[in-house]
N, C-alpha and C. Protein backbone atom coordinates (compact mmCIF):
# COMPACT_ATOMS: atom_id res chain seq x y z
N MET A 1 17.77 -22.74 32.41
CA MET A 1 16.52 -22.58 32.00
C MET A 1 16.23 -21.13 31.80
N ASN A 2 17.37 -20.31 32.38
CA ASN A 2 17.11 -18.91 32.45
C ASN A 2 16.99 -18.08 30.60
N TYR A 3 17.86 -19.40 29.65
CA TYR A 3 17.86 -18.24 28.33
C TYR A 3 16.35 -19.13 27.63
N VAL A 4 16.26 -20.22 28.12
CA VAL A 4 14.70 -20.61 27.58
C VAL A 4 13.65 -19.56 27.82
N ILE A 5 13.92 -19.17 29.30
CA ILE A 5 12.98 -17.78 29.73
C ILE A 5 13.16 -16.87 28.52
N ILE A 6 13.98 -16.54 28.26
CA ILE A 6 14.55 -14.87 27.02
C ILE A 6 13.95 -15.14 25.81
N VAL A 7 14.66 -16.34 25.44
CA VAL A 7 13.79 -16.92 24.36
C VAL A 7 12.74 -16.75 23.82
N LEU A 8 11.62 -17.61 24.92
CA LEU A 8 10.42 -17.78 24.73
C LEU A 8 9.78 -16.06 24.86
N GLY A 9 10.40 -15.21 26.02
CA GLY A 9 10.32 -13.77 26.14
C GLY A 9 10.31 -13.64 24.46
N ILE A 10 11.03 -13.13 24.37
CA ILE A 10 11.67 -12.82 22.96
C ILE A 10 10.45 -13.20 21.85
N ILE A 11 10.23 -14.80 21.90
CA ILE A 11 9.47 -15.13 20.65
C ILE A 11 8.06 -14.43 20.94
N VAL A 12 7.36 -14.39 22.31
CA VAL A 12 6.05 -13.99 22.85
C VAL A 12 6.23 -12.47 22.28
N VAL A 13 7.09 -11.42 22.65
CA VAL A 13 6.80 -10.34 22.44
C VAL A 13 6.79 -10.09 20.76
N PHE A 14 7.72 -10.79 19.92
CA PHE A 14 7.34 -10.58 18.38
C PHE A 14 5.84 -11.26 17.90
N LEU A 15 5.76 -12.27 18.29
CA LEU A 15 4.08 -12.22 17.96
C LEU A 15 3.18 -11.94 18.40
N LEU A 16 3.27 -10.87 19.49
CA LEU A 16 2.30 -9.84 20.15
C LEU A 16 2.34 -9.05 18.89
N TYR A 17 3.63 -8.31 18.62
CA TYR A 17 3.63 -7.19 17.96
C TYR A 17 3.00 -7.69 16.26
N TYR A 18 3.40 -9.13 16.03
CA TYR A 18 2.47 -8.76 14.83
C TYR A 18 1.36 -8.87 14.32
N VAL A 19 0.50 -9.84 15.77
CA VAL A 19 -0.70 -10.09 15.90
C VAL A 19 -1.23 -8.06 16.23
N TYR A 20 -0.73 -7.33 17.11
CA TYR A 20 -1.04 -5.53 17.20
C TYR A 20 -0.97 -5.26 15.33
N ILE A 21 0.27 -5.59 14.59
CA ILE A 21 0.41 -4.99 13.44
C ILE A 21 -0.75 -5.27 12.30
N ARG A 22 -0.96 -6.53 12.19
CA ARG A 22 -1.93 -7.06 11.67
C ARG A 22 -3.79 -6.37 11.91
N LEU A 23 -3.57 -6.18 13.26
CA LEU A 23 -5.08 -5.88 13.51
C LEU A 23 -5.19 -3.96 13.09
N LEU A 24 -4.41 -3.50 13.00
CA LEU A 24 -4.37 -1.99 12.59
C LEU A 24 -4.35 -2.03 11.31
N THR A 25 -4.10 -2.98 10.29
CA THR A 25 -4.05 -3.00 8.86
C THR A 25 -5.50 -3.22 8.59
N PRO A 26 -5.61 -2.07 7.85
CA PRO A 26 -7.11 -2.23 7.51
C PRO A 26 -7.65 -3.12 6.30
N SER A 27 -8.81 -3.51 5.96
CA SER A 27 -9.90 -4.38 4.72
C SER A 27 -9.09 -4.15 3.93
N VAL A 28 -8.42 -5.41 3.17
CA VAL A 28 -8.05 -4.89 1.84
C VAL A 28 -9.31 -5.36 0.89
N ILE A 29 -9.17 -4.08 0.22
CA ILE A 29 -10.21 -4.25 -0.97
C ILE A 29 -10.23 -4.85 -2.12
N LYS A 30 -8.86 -5.26 -2.40
CA LYS A 30 -8.42 -6.04 -3.66
C LYS A 30 -7.32 -6.53 -3.13
N GLN A 31 -7.21 -8.12 -3.27
CA GLN A 31 -5.89 -8.97 -3.15
C GLN A 31 -4.96 -8.90 -4.19
N SER A 32 -5.12 -8.70 -5.34
CA SER A 32 -4.10 -8.77 -6.51
C SER A 32 -4.44 -9.27 -7.67
N ALA A 33 -3.45 -8.19 -8.56
CA ALA A 33 -4.26 -7.90 -9.89
C ALA A 33 -3.04 -7.55 -10.53
N LYS A 34 -3.02 -7.85 -11.75
CA LYS A 34 -2.48 -7.57 -13.19
C LYS A 34 -2.78 -6.81 -13.68
N LEU A 35 -2.16 -5.86 -14.25
CA LEU A 35 -2.59 -4.73 -14.78
C LEU A 35 -2.30 -4.52 -16.46
N ASN A 36 -1.73 -5.98 -16.50
CA ASN A 36 -1.81 -6.29 -18.39
C ASN A 36 -3.20 -6.64 -18.58
N GLU A 37 -4.16 -6.68 -17.59
CA GLU A 37 -5.28 -7.04 -17.95
C GLU A 37 -6.16 -6.11 -17.57
N THR A 38 -7.52 -6.15 -18.26
CA THR A 38 -8.47 -5.95 -17.42
C THR A 38 -8.89 -6.02 -16.37
N ASN A 39 -9.26 -4.98 -15.37
CA ASN A 39 -9.63 -5.53 -14.14
C ASN A 39 -11.28 -4.94 -13.64
N PRO A 40 -12.39 -5.69 -13.33
CA PRO A 40 -13.61 -5.19 -12.88
C PRO A 40 -13.36 -3.72 -11.96
N PRO A 41 -14.38 -2.92 -11.94
CA PRO A 41 -14.22 -1.87 -11.45
C PRO A 41 -14.51 -2.07 -10.06
N ILE A 42 -13.94 -1.81 -8.85
CA ILE A 42 -14.47 -1.49 -7.49
C ILE A 42 -15.68 -0.76 -6.83
N SER A 43 -16.79 -1.06 -6.88
CA SER A 43 -18.01 -0.23 -6.32
C SER A 43 -18.14 -0.15 -5.26
N TYR A 44 -17.73 -1.06 -4.39
CA TYR A 44 -17.99 -0.70 -2.51
C TYR A 44 -17.10 0.03 -2.03
N LEU A 45 -17.45 1.00 -1.79
CA LEU A 45 -16.09 2.14 -1.09
C LEU A 45 -17.35 2.91 -0.03
N LYS A 46 -16.32 2.41 1.46
CA LYS A 46 -16.82 3.52 2.33
C LYS A 46 -17.23 4.80 2.00
N ASP A 47 -17.91 5.75 2.59
CA ASP A 47 -17.75 6.99 2.42
C ASP A 47 -17.45 7.45 1.27
N PRO A 48 -18.16 7.21 0.08
CA PRO A 48 -17.19 7.60 -1.11
C PRO A 48 -17.41 8.89 -1.80
N THR A 49 -18.06 9.53 -1.24
CA THR A 49 -18.40 11.39 -1.36
C THR A 49 -17.67 11.74 -0.36
N SER A 50 -16.74 11.45 0.58
CA SER A 50 -15.71 12.15 1.43
C SER A 50 -14.90 12.98 0.68
N LEU A 51 -14.52 13.69 1.82
CA LEU A 51 -12.96 14.34 1.18
C LEU A 51 -12.06 14.17 2.08
N HIS A 52 -11.91 13.23 2.67
CA HIS A 52 -11.05 12.71 3.92
C HIS A 52 -10.73 11.45 3.35
N TYR A 53 -10.01 10.93 2.89
CA TYR A 53 -9.56 9.51 2.63
C TYR A 53 -8.05 9.15 2.36
N ALA A 54 -8.24 8.15 1.84
CA ALA A 54 -6.34 7.56 1.67
C ALA A 54 -6.68 6.25 1.35
N TYR A 55 -5.63 5.49 0.38
CA TYR A 55 -5.78 4.28 -0.16
C TYR A 55 -3.97 4.04 -0.51
N GLY A 56 -3.91 2.94 0.02
CA GLY A 56 -2.37 2.18 0.06
C GLY A 56 -2.54 1.06 -1.14
N ILE A 57 -1.76 1.15 -1.77
CA ILE A 57 -1.62 -0.33 -2.77
C ILE A 57 0.27 -0.10 -3.12
N TRP A 58 0.02 -1.89 -3.30
CA TRP A 58 1.41 -2.37 -3.35
C TRP A 58 2.15 -2.59 -5.47
N LEU A 59 2.69 -1.96 -5.66
CA LEU A 59 2.89 -1.77 -7.29
C LEU A 59 4.51 -2.23 -7.57
N TYR A 60 4.42 -3.65 -8.38
CA TYR A 60 5.59 -3.95 -8.93
C TYR A 60 5.35 -3.57 -10.50
N VAL A 61 6.51 -2.88 -10.86
CA VAL A 61 6.52 -2.61 -12.17
C VAL A 61 7.53 -3.94 -12.68
N ASN A 62 7.02 -3.89 -14.01
CA ASN A 62 7.79 -5.42 -14.52
C ASN A 62 8.39 -5.03 -15.79
N SER A 63 7.87 -4.29 -16.41
CA SER A 63 8.70 -3.65 -17.93
C SER A 63 8.13 -2.33 -18.05
N TRP A 64 8.94 -2.04 -18.59
CA TRP A 64 8.61 -0.37 -19.20
C TRP A 64 7.81 -0.09 -20.84
N ASP A 65 6.90 0.51 -20.69
CA ASP A 65 6.76 0.62 -21.93
C ASP A 65 6.55 2.36 -22.36
N ASN A 66 6.91 2.76 -23.65
CA ASN A 66 7.28 4.42 -23.49
C ASN A 66 6.49 4.61 -23.97
N THR A 67 5.26 3.99 -24.55
CA THR A 67 4.27 4.73 -25.65
C THR A 67 3.01 5.12 -25.09
N LYS A 68 2.92 4.96 -23.64
CA LYS A 68 1.68 5.12 -23.06
C LYS A 68 1.76 5.59 -21.67
N GLU A 69 0.85 6.56 -20.85
CA GLU A 69 0.81 6.47 -19.70
C GLU A 69 0.33 5.37 -19.12
N LYS A 70 0.75 5.32 -17.45
CA LYS A 70 0.48 4.06 -17.14
C LYS A 70 -0.50 4.22 -15.52
N VAL A 71 -1.66 3.98 -15.53
CA VAL A 71 -2.74 4.45 -14.72
C VAL A 71 -2.35 3.38 -13.58
N ILE A 72 -2.70 3.41 -12.60
CA ILE A 72 -2.23 2.57 -11.82
C ILE A 72 -3.49 2.55 -10.70
N ILE A 73 -4.12 3.70 -10.19
CA ILE A 73 -5.37 3.60 -9.36
C ILE A 73 -6.28 4.76 -9.86
N SER A 74 -7.84 5.32 -10.08
CA SER A 74 -8.51 6.15 -10.57
C SER A 74 -9.49 6.16 -10.17
N ARG A 75 -10.25 7.52 -9.99
CA ARG A 75 -11.69 7.68 -9.94
C ARG A 75 -12.15 8.66 -11.21
N ASP A 76 -13.57 8.58 -11.52
CA ASP A 76 -13.79 9.65 -12.39
C ASP A 76 -13.85 11.27 -11.58
N LYS A 77 -13.17 12.03 -11.95
CA LYS A 77 -13.55 13.48 -11.65
C LYS A 77 -13.29 13.23 -10.16
N ASN A 78 -12.17 12.93 -9.76
CA ASN A 78 -11.59 12.77 -8.00
C ASN A 78 -10.28 12.79 -8.51
N PHE A 79 -9.29 11.75 -8.90
CA PHE A 79 -8.34 11.34 -8.71
C PHE A 79 -7.69 10.66 -9.68
N SER A 80 -6.61 10.66 -10.05
CA SER A 80 -5.94 9.50 -11.01
C SER A 80 -4.41 9.03 -10.34
N LEU A 81 -4.06 8.16 -10.10
CA LEU A 81 -2.25 8.08 -10.00
C LEU A 81 -2.18 7.33 -10.81
N TYR A 82 -0.35 8.16 -11.78
CA TYR A 82 -0.58 7.19 -12.70
C TYR A 82 1.26 7.52 -12.99
N LEU A 83 1.96 6.64 -14.14
CA LEU A 83 3.35 7.14 -14.02
C LEU A 83 3.23 7.38 -15.94
N ASP A 84 4.64 8.17 -15.64
CA ASP A 84 4.45 9.11 -17.16
C ASP A 84 4.87 7.96 -17.88
N ALA A 85 4.63 8.40 -19.27
CA ALA A 85 4.74 7.48 -20.83
C ALA A 85 6.28 7.37 -20.51
N THR A 86 7.00 8.54 -20.87
CA THR A 86 8.49 7.97 -21.18
C THR A 86 9.42 8.24 -19.86
N SER A 87 8.81 8.85 -18.70
CA SER A 87 9.76 8.56 -17.85
C SER A 87 9.28 7.69 -16.38
N ALA A 88 10.09 7.65 -15.15
CA ALA A 88 9.88 6.92 -14.59
C ALA A 88 9.28 7.93 -13.20
N THR A 89 8.64 8.71 -13.76
CA THR A 89 7.90 9.92 -12.77
C THR A 89 6.66 9.58 -12.56
N LEU A 90 6.18 9.49 -11.17
CA LEU A 90 5.07 9.33 -10.43
C LEU A 90 4.19 10.62 -10.44
N TYR A 91 2.57 10.46 -11.00
CA TYR A 91 1.93 11.76 -10.76
C TYR A 91 0.56 11.21 -9.76
N CYS A 92 0.11 12.60 -9.50
CA CYS A 92 -1.59 12.30 -9.14
C CYS A 92 -1.66 13.34 -9.54
N LYS A 93 -2.77 13.34 -10.61
CA LYS A 93 -3.86 14.36 -10.95
C LYS A 93 -5.14 14.55 -9.97
N MET A 94 -5.23 15.39 -9.51
CA MET A 94 -6.32 15.97 -8.55
C MET A 94 -7.26 16.72 -9.36
N TYR A 95 -8.74 16.33 -9.16
CA TYR A 95 -9.63 17.21 -10.02
C TYR A 95 -10.15 18.15 -8.78
N LEU A 96 -10.50 19.38 -9.35
CA LEU A 96 -11.11 20.42 -8.25
C LEU A 96 -12.46 20.93 -8.79
N ASP A 97 -12.83 21.76 -7.75
CA ASP A 97 -14.34 21.64 -7.58
C ASP A 97 -14.90 22.62 -9.01
N ASP A 98 -13.92 23.65 -9.80
CA ASP A 98 -14.09 24.69 -10.88
C ASP A 98 -13.77 23.63 -12.20
N ASP A 99 -13.96 22.46 -12.17
CA ASP A 99 -13.40 21.54 -13.02
C ASP A 99 -12.15 21.90 -13.61
N THR A 100 -11.24 22.56 -12.99
CA THR A 100 -9.52 22.04 -13.12
C THR A 100 -9.33 21.21 -12.73
N THR A 101 -7.95 20.95 -13.26
CA THR A 101 -7.16 19.91 -12.22
C THR A 101 -5.93 20.13 -11.93
N GLN A 102 -5.18 19.60 -11.16
CA GLN A 102 -4.06 20.00 -10.29
C GLN A 102 -3.20 18.74 -10.12
N LEU A 103 -1.98 19.16 -11.07
CA LEU A 103 -0.86 17.52 -11.52
C LEU A 103 -0.09 17.82 -10.38
N ILE A 104 0.01 16.87 -9.52
CA ILE A 104 1.44 16.41 -8.13
C ILE A 104 2.52 15.99 -8.79
N THR A 105 3.45 16.37 -9.16
CA THR A 105 4.84 15.28 -9.23
C THR A 105 5.38 14.82 -7.89
N ILE A 106 5.18 13.51 -7.61
CA ILE A 106 5.84 12.77 -6.45
C ILE A 106 7.08 12.75 -6.36
N THR A 107 7.56 11.91 -7.46
CA THR A 107 8.98 11.22 -8.00
C THR A 107 8.96 11.32 -8.93
N ASN A 108 10.44 11.56 -9.53
CA ASN A 108 10.99 11.68 -10.62
C ASN A 108 12.08 10.13 -11.10
N ASN A 109 12.02 9.69 -9.87
CA ASN A 109 13.10 8.03 -10.21
C ASN A 109 12.20 6.90 -9.60
N PHE A 110 11.03 6.49 -9.78
CA PHE A 110 10.24 5.56 -9.41
C PHE A 110 11.20 4.20 -9.77
N PRO A 111 10.67 3.13 -8.35
CA PRO A 111 11.68 2.33 -8.94
C PRO A 111 11.00 1.25 -9.28
N LEU A 112 12.14 0.42 -10.17
CA LEU A 112 11.30 -0.48 -11.36
C LEU A 112 11.66 -1.71 -10.88
N GLN A 113 11.09 -3.08 -11.30
CA GLN A 113 11.16 -4.22 -10.77
C GLN A 113 11.59 -4.91 -9.32
N LYS A 114 10.56 -3.92 -8.70
CA LYS A 114 10.72 -4.24 -7.18
C LYS A 114 9.56 -3.46 -6.55
N TRP A 115 8.94 -4.42 -5.14
CA TRP A 115 7.91 -4.04 -4.63
C TRP A 115 7.42 -2.70 -3.87
N VAL A 116 6.90 -1.67 -4.21
CA VAL A 116 7.06 -0.16 -3.52
C VAL A 116 5.52 -0.26 -3.00
N TYR A 117 5.21 0.40 -1.83
CA TYR A 117 3.66 0.48 -1.20
C TYR A 117 3.84 2.23 -1.43
N ILE A 118 2.86 2.24 -2.37
CA ILE A 118 2.08 3.92 -2.20
C ILE A 118 1.12 4.00 -1.65
N VAL A 119 0.94 5.35 -0.94
CA VAL A 119 -0.30 5.68 -0.02
C VAL A 119 -0.78 7.12 -0.53
N LEU A 120 -1.55 7.02 -0.98
CA LEU A 120 -2.13 8.72 -1.24
C LEU A 120 -3.05 8.96 -0.38
N SER A 121 -3.02 10.16 0.63
CA SER A 121 -3.89 10.49 1.94
C SER A 121 -3.97 11.96 1.61
N VAL A 122 -5.74 11.97 1.48
CA VAL A 122 -6.01 13.29 1.03
C VAL A 122 -7.11 13.73 2.41
N ASP A 123 -6.57 15.14 3.06
CA ASP A 123 -6.96 15.36 3.67
C ASP A 123 -7.94 16.82 3.33
N SER A 124 -9.16 16.85 2.48
CA SER A 124 -9.50 18.20 1.63
C SER A 124 -8.73 18.62 0.69
N GLN A 125 -8.03 19.55 1.44
CA GLN A 125 -7.13 20.59 0.55
C GLN A 125 -5.42 19.97 0.64
N ILE A 126 -5.31 19.04 1.50
CA ILE A 126 -3.76 18.71 1.94
C ILE A 126 -3.73 17.52 1.29
N VAL A 127 -3.00 17.05 0.31
CA VAL A 127 -2.48 15.70 -0.20
C VAL A 127 -1.46 15.45 -0.01
N ASP A 128 -1.57 14.31 0.11
CA ASP A 128 -0.06 13.69 1.29
C ASP A 128 -0.12 12.05 0.07
N VAL A 129 1.71 12.09 -0.23
CA VAL A 129 1.72 10.89 -0.32
C VAL A 129 3.10 10.14 -0.28
N TYR A 130 3.25 9.20 0.51
CA TYR A 130 4.08 8.18 0.68
C TYR A 130 4.52 6.95 0.03
N LEU A 131 5.71 7.00 0.45
CA LEU A 131 6.46 5.54 -0.86
C LEU A 131 7.15 4.96 0.47
N ASN A 132 7.40 3.25 0.40
CA ASN A 132 7.78 2.73 1.58
C ASN A 132 8.06 2.80 2.46
N GLY A 133 6.70 3.85 3.16
CA GLY A 133 6.30 4.17 4.22
C GLY A 133 6.73 5.59 4.71
N LYS A 134 7.53 6.40 3.96
CA LYS A 134 8.02 7.56 3.99
C LYS A 134 7.45 8.77 3.25
N LEU A 135 7.12 9.82 3.92
CA LEU A 135 6.47 10.71 3.21
C LEU A 135 7.22 11.57 2.10
N VAL A 136 6.72 11.81 0.80
CA VAL A 136 7.64 12.22 -0.11
C VAL A 136 7.37 13.20 -0.67
N ILE A 137 5.78 13.53 -0.77
CA ILE A 137 5.22 15.05 -0.83
C ILE A 137 4.14 15.37 0.07
N SER A 138 3.73 16.55 0.45
CA SER A 138 2.72 17.11 1.25
C SER A 138 2.49 18.19 0.78
N GLN A 139 1.36 18.63 -0.08
CA GLN A 139 1.15 19.79 -1.13
C GLN A 139 -0.32 20.22 -0.45
N LYS A 140 -0.88 21.16 -0.72
CA LYS A 140 -1.50 21.81 -0.59
C LYS A 140 -2.22 22.47 -1.95
N ILE A 141 -3.48 21.93 -2.27
CA ILE A 141 -3.62 22.25 -3.62
C ILE A 141 -4.49 23.56 -4.00
N THR A 142 -4.33 23.98 -4.73
CA THR A 142 -5.00 25.39 -4.81
C THR A 142 -6.40 25.68 -4.85
N LYS A 143 -7.36 25.01 -4.62
CA LYS A 143 -8.73 25.23 -4.61
C LYS A 143 -9.38 23.82 -4.14
N THR A 144 -10.25 23.88 -3.52
CA THR A 144 -11.31 23.02 -2.89
C THR A 144 -11.17 21.59 -4.01
N PRO A 145 -10.89 20.54 -3.78
CA PRO A 145 -10.82 19.31 -4.78
C PRO A 145 -12.64 19.06 -4.61
N LYS A 146 -12.86 18.56 -5.88
CA LYS A 146 -13.81 18.26 -6.43
C LYS A 146 -14.69 17.02 -5.12
N MET A 147 -15.66 16.98 -5.14
CA MET A 147 -16.29 16.24 -3.91
C MET A 147 -16.52 14.81 -4.93
N PRO A 148 -15.58 13.84 -4.12
CA PRO A 148 -15.95 12.68 -5.43
C PRO A 148 -17.54 11.92 -5.11
N GLY A 149 -17.58 11.15 -6.36
CA GLY A 149 -19.21 10.70 -6.38
C GLY A 149 -19.33 9.72 -5.87
N ASP A 150 -20.80 9.66 -5.74
CA ASP A 150 -21.41 8.49 -4.99
C ASP A 150 -21.04 7.25 -4.92
N SER A 151 -21.47 6.10 -4.70
CA SER A 151 -21.20 4.86 -4.86
C SER A 151 -21.45 4.02 -6.23
N THR A 152 -22.61 4.74 -7.03
CA THR A 152 -21.90 4.91 -8.76
C THR A 152 -20.82 5.29 -9.34
N VAL A 153 -19.69 5.68 -8.70
CA VAL A 153 -18.84 6.63 -9.60
C VAL A 153 -17.35 5.06 -8.81
N PRO A 154 -17.54 4.15 -9.51
CA PRO A 154 -16.80 3.00 -8.92
C PRO A 154 -14.48 3.72 -8.82
N LEU A 155 -14.23 3.37 -7.96
CA LEU A 155 -12.48 2.81 -8.49
C LEU A 155 -12.30 2.11 -9.25
N LEU A 156 -11.06 2.83 -10.16
CA LEU A 156 -10.83 1.89 -11.31
C LEU A 156 -9.39 1.03 -10.96
N LEU A 157 -8.77 0.20 -11.34
CA LEU A 157 -7.58 -0.57 -11.29
C LEU A 157 -7.12 -0.85 -12.18
N GLY A 158 -6.18 0.01 -12.57
CA GLY A 158 -5.64 0.50 -14.47
C GLY A 158 -6.12 1.10 -14.93
N GLY A 159 -5.84 0.65 -16.15
CA GLY A 159 -6.69 2.15 -16.57
C GLY A 159 -7.01 1.51 -18.51
N ALA A 160 -7.22 2.22 -19.70
CA ALA A 160 -7.77 2.09 -20.42
C ALA A 160 -6.52 1.13 -21.69
N ASP A 161 -5.81 1.27 -21.63
CA ASP A 161 -4.10 0.94 -21.53
C ASP A 161 -3.45 0.05 -20.96
N THR A 162 -3.43 -1.10 -21.19
CA THR A 162 -2.82 -2.25 -20.26
C THR A 162 -1.67 -1.94 -20.03
N TRP A 163 -0.59 -2.32 -18.88
CA TRP A 163 0.36 -2.50 -18.94
C TRP A 163 0.95 -3.44 -17.85
N ASP A 164 2.08 -3.62 -18.32
CA ASP A 164 2.99 -4.98 -17.65
C ASP A 164 3.39 -4.64 -16.10
N ALA A 165 2.34 -4.95 -15.19
CA ALA A 165 2.57 -4.26 -13.49
C ALA A 165 1.72 -5.35 -13.06
N ASN A 166 1.92 -5.16 -11.49
CA ASN A 166 1.72 -6.03 -10.60
C ASN A 166 1.16 -5.20 -9.36
N VAL A 167 -0.12 -5.49 -8.94
CA VAL A 167 -0.41 -5.00 -7.33
C VAL A 167 -1.10 -5.75 -6.20
N ALA A 168 -1.09 -5.05 -5.51
CA ALA A 168 -1.28 -6.31 -4.22
C ALA A 168 -2.14 -5.39 -2.59
N ASP A 169 -2.80 -6.13 -2.33
CA ASP A 169 -3.28 -5.22 -1.05
C ASP A 169 -3.61 -3.75 -1.12
N LEU A 170 -4.49 -3.67 -1.67
CA LEU A 170 -5.12 -2.12 -2.10
C LEU A 170 -5.87 -2.33 -1.42
N ILE A 171 -6.05 -0.97 -0.26
CA ILE A 171 -6.90 -0.73 0.84
C ILE A 171 -7.28 0.93 0.51
N ARG A 172 -8.64 1.23 1.15
CA ARG A 172 -9.03 2.01 1.11
C ARG A 172 -9.60 2.63 2.68
N VAL A 173 -9.41 3.85 3.28
CA VAL A 173 -9.99 4.32 4.41
C VAL A 173 -10.48 5.14 4.44
N SER A 174 -11.85 5.83 5.36
CA SER A 174 -12.50 6.87 4.79
C SER A 174 -11.70 8.24 5.91
N HIS A 175 -10.64 8.54 5.75
CA HIS A 175 -10.16 9.08 6.64
C HIS A 175 -8.78 9.48 5.76
N ALA A 176 -7.92 10.79 6.47
CA ALA A 176 -6.50 11.07 5.51
C ALA A 176 -5.55 9.80 6.98
N MET A 177 -4.43 9.46 6.46
CA MET A 177 -3.72 8.54 7.15
C MET A 177 -2.90 9.28 7.95
N SER A 178 -2.73 8.98 8.99
CA SER A 178 -1.19 9.81 10.04
C SER A 178 -0.02 8.87 9.20
N PRO A 179 1.14 9.60 9.60
CA PRO A 179 2.32 8.61 9.28
C PRO A 179 2.44 7.42 9.72
N GLN A 180 2.12 7.18 11.21
CA GLN A 180 2.15 5.82 12.08
C GLN A 180 1.18 4.93 11.20
N GLU A 181 -0.07 5.38 10.95
CA GLU A 181 -0.78 4.15 9.90
C GLU A 181 -0.33 3.93 8.84
N VAL A 182 0.71 4.81 8.46
CA VAL A 182 0.88 4.17 6.96
C VAL A 182 2.41 3.56 7.18
N MET A 183 3.27 4.06 8.03
CA MET A 183 4.37 3.09 8.59
C MET A 183 3.67 1.30 9.18
N ASN A 184 2.79 1.38 9.80
CA ASN A 184 2.05 0.41 10.27
C ASN A 184 1.69 -0.73 9.50
N ASN A 185 1.19 -0.23 8.26
CA ASN A 185 1.04 -1.02 7.14
C ASN A 185 1.66 -1.32 6.15
N TYR A 186 2.84 -0.29 6.49
CA TYR A 186 4.34 -0.32 5.06
C TYR A 186 4.90 -2.07 6.08
N ILE A 187 4.99 -2.15 7.25
CA ILE A 187 5.72 -2.81 8.10
C ILE A 187 4.87 -4.25 7.90
N SER A 188 3.88 -4.24 7.59
CA SER A 188 2.50 -5.46 7.61
C SER A 188 2.55 -5.88 6.90
N GLY A 189 3.49 -5.93 5.45
CA GLY A 189 3.32 -6.11 4.11
C GLY A 189 2.48 -6.67 3.34
N TYR A 190 3.06 -6.83 2.11
CA TYR A 190 2.23 -7.40 1.09
C TYR A 190 1.57 -8.72 1.24
N ASN A 191 0.72 -9.37 1.62
CA ASN A 191 0.88 -10.81 2.20
C ASN A 191 0.00 -11.21 1.03
N SER A 192 -0.64 -10.55 -0.10
CA SER A 192 -1.22 -11.47 -1.18
C SER A 192 -0.46 -11.61 -1.74
N VAL A 193 1.04 -11.79 -2.18
CA VAL A 193 2.01 -11.51 -3.02
C VAL A 193 3.10 -12.87 -1.97
N VAL A 194 3.95 -12.04 -1.39
CA VAL A 194 4.43 -13.70 -0.75
C VAL A 194 4.51 -13.47 0.91
N GLY A 195 3.19 -13.00 1.29
CA GLY A 195 3.01 -13.60 2.95
C GLY A 195 3.38 -12.65 3.86
N GLY A 196 4.00 -11.31 3.49
CA GLY A 196 4.23 -10.37 4.06
C GLY A 196 5.77 -9.99 4.45
N ILE A 197 5.85 -9.43 4.86
CA ILE A 197 7.40 -8.86 5.01
C ILE A 197 7.67 -9.71 6.43
N PHE A 198 6.80 -8.95 7.34
CA PHE A 198 6.81 -9.93 8.66
C PHE A 198 6.29 -10.91 9.07
N SER A 199 5.99 -11.85 8.16
CA SER A 199 4.98 -12.83 7.74
C SER A 199 5.27 -14.30 8.58
N MET A 200 4.55 -14.63 9.21
CA MET A 200 5.44 -15.89 10.00
C MET A 200 5.83 -17.03 9.01
N SER A 201 5.09 -16.90 7.88
CA SER A 201 5.40 -17.82 6.99
C SER A 201 7.46 -17.59 5.98
N SER A 202 7.55 -16.51 6.91
CA SER A 202 8.77 -16.12 6.46
C SER A 202 10.09 -16.31 7.21
N TYR A 203 9.73 -16.69 8.69
CA TYR A 203 10.56 -16.93 9.71
C TYR A 203 10.97 -18.28 10.31
N LYS A 204 11.37 -18.73 10.90
CA LYS A 204 11.73 -19.98 11.36
C LYS A 204 12.23 -19.74 12.81
N ALA A 205 11.55 -20.03 13.81
CA ALA A 205 12.48 -20.10 15.03
C ALA A 205 12.66 -21.69 15.76
N ASN A 206 13.85 -22.03 16.09
CA ASN A 206 13.56 -23.28 17.14
C ASN A 206 14.30 -23.48 17.89
N LEU A 207 13.60 -24.46 18.97
CA LEU A 207 14.05 -23.88 20.45
C LEU A 207 14.96 -25.27 21.10
N LYS A 208 16.49 -25.17 20.99
CA LYS A 208 17.03 -26.26 21.59
C LYS A 208 17.41 -25.38 23.50
N VAL A 209 17.10 -27.12 23.66
CA VAL A 209 17.49 -27.20 25.38
C VAL A 209 18.67 -27.91 25.74
N LEU A 210 19.72 -27.28 25.90
CA LEU A 210 20.52 -27.78 26.05
C LEU A 210 21.50 -28.43 27.33
N LYS A 211 21.49 -29.70 27.74
CA LYS A 211 22.20 -30.53 28.97
C LYS A 211 23.70 -31.12 29.03
N ASN A 212 23.97 -30.61 29.57
CA ASN A 212 25.90 -30.52 29.95
C ASN A 212 26.22 -30.65 28.86
N GLY A 213 26.13 -29.37 27.91
CA GLY A 213 26.74 -29.25 26.77
C GLY A 213 25.66 -29.79 25.64
N GLU A 214 25.14 -30.92 25.17
CA GLU A 214 24.72 -31.36 24.55
C GLU A 214 23.08 -30.93 24.43
N ILE A 215 22.76 -31.28 23.11
CA ILE A 215 20.95 -30.90 22.95
C ILE A 215 20.60 -32.33 23.57
N PHE A 216 19.68 -31.49 24.63
CA PHE A 216 18.65 -32.48 25.11
C PHE A 216 17.30 -32.75 24.70
N ALA A 217 16.53 -31.64 23.94
CA ALA A 217 15.52 -30.94 23.11
C ALA A 217 15.74 -30.00 22.14
N ASP A 218 15.14 -30.50 20.80
CA ASP A 218 15.23 -29.70 19.87
C ASP A 218 13.79 -29.42 19.29
N THR A 219 13.20 -28.35 19.27
CA THR A 219 11.57 -28.08 19.26
C THR A 219 11.17 -26.80 17.77
N GLN A 220 10.63 -27.15 16.83
CA GLN A 220 10.50 -26.39 16.01
C GLN A 220 9.16 -25.27 16.49
N LEU A 221 9.45 -24.30 16.90
CA LEU A 221 8.26 -23.41 17.30
C LEU A 221 7.38 -22.83 16.46
N PHE A 222 8.07 -22.08 15.11
CA PHE A 222 7.43 -21.75 13.77
C PHE A 222 8.39 -22.04 12.46
């Protein structure tokens, strides 16, 4: 019976960790969408004028179109997160207080045809971008960023030109995310798509009890 207690203990720890990660995951403002069609603007944003915020989104690029830039998410006169027209380069355009913009190159080798978790975290002049839980770039923009608009300025999913990609579990928080928050969200997974990286639907556990070397009881736990 000692083995049974050990196995049950492992399962309990796993379940507690799963619940802990779930409780730390921010609320999703858009569960899933296709960027090859027009998506309605997202109007409700907590503290929309704050200079401290973060967005997280799962992105899957299905196919590549060399004729246009590929906008993922944007807000007017605030920021635009997009892929280049001809290369797999991910950019973030930040709008500044003097009505200029600053372009941040995040990566020139963005993965295609696989799910990638992107986090844009802004703490006034400090812009951090994470891919799959890891900090890729941390950059101080040259001037004060332009104050984002109020609730009348929505978040846009995709751009005027549609393109072949899927997104899932778009979140927004009204503070800059810490590396641990980002990692927790990444571990939590893309639930709207496949049930989450660590979703219980991805795992099965059976408890087998042996008596005299033979299976005495066999129960599926989950």
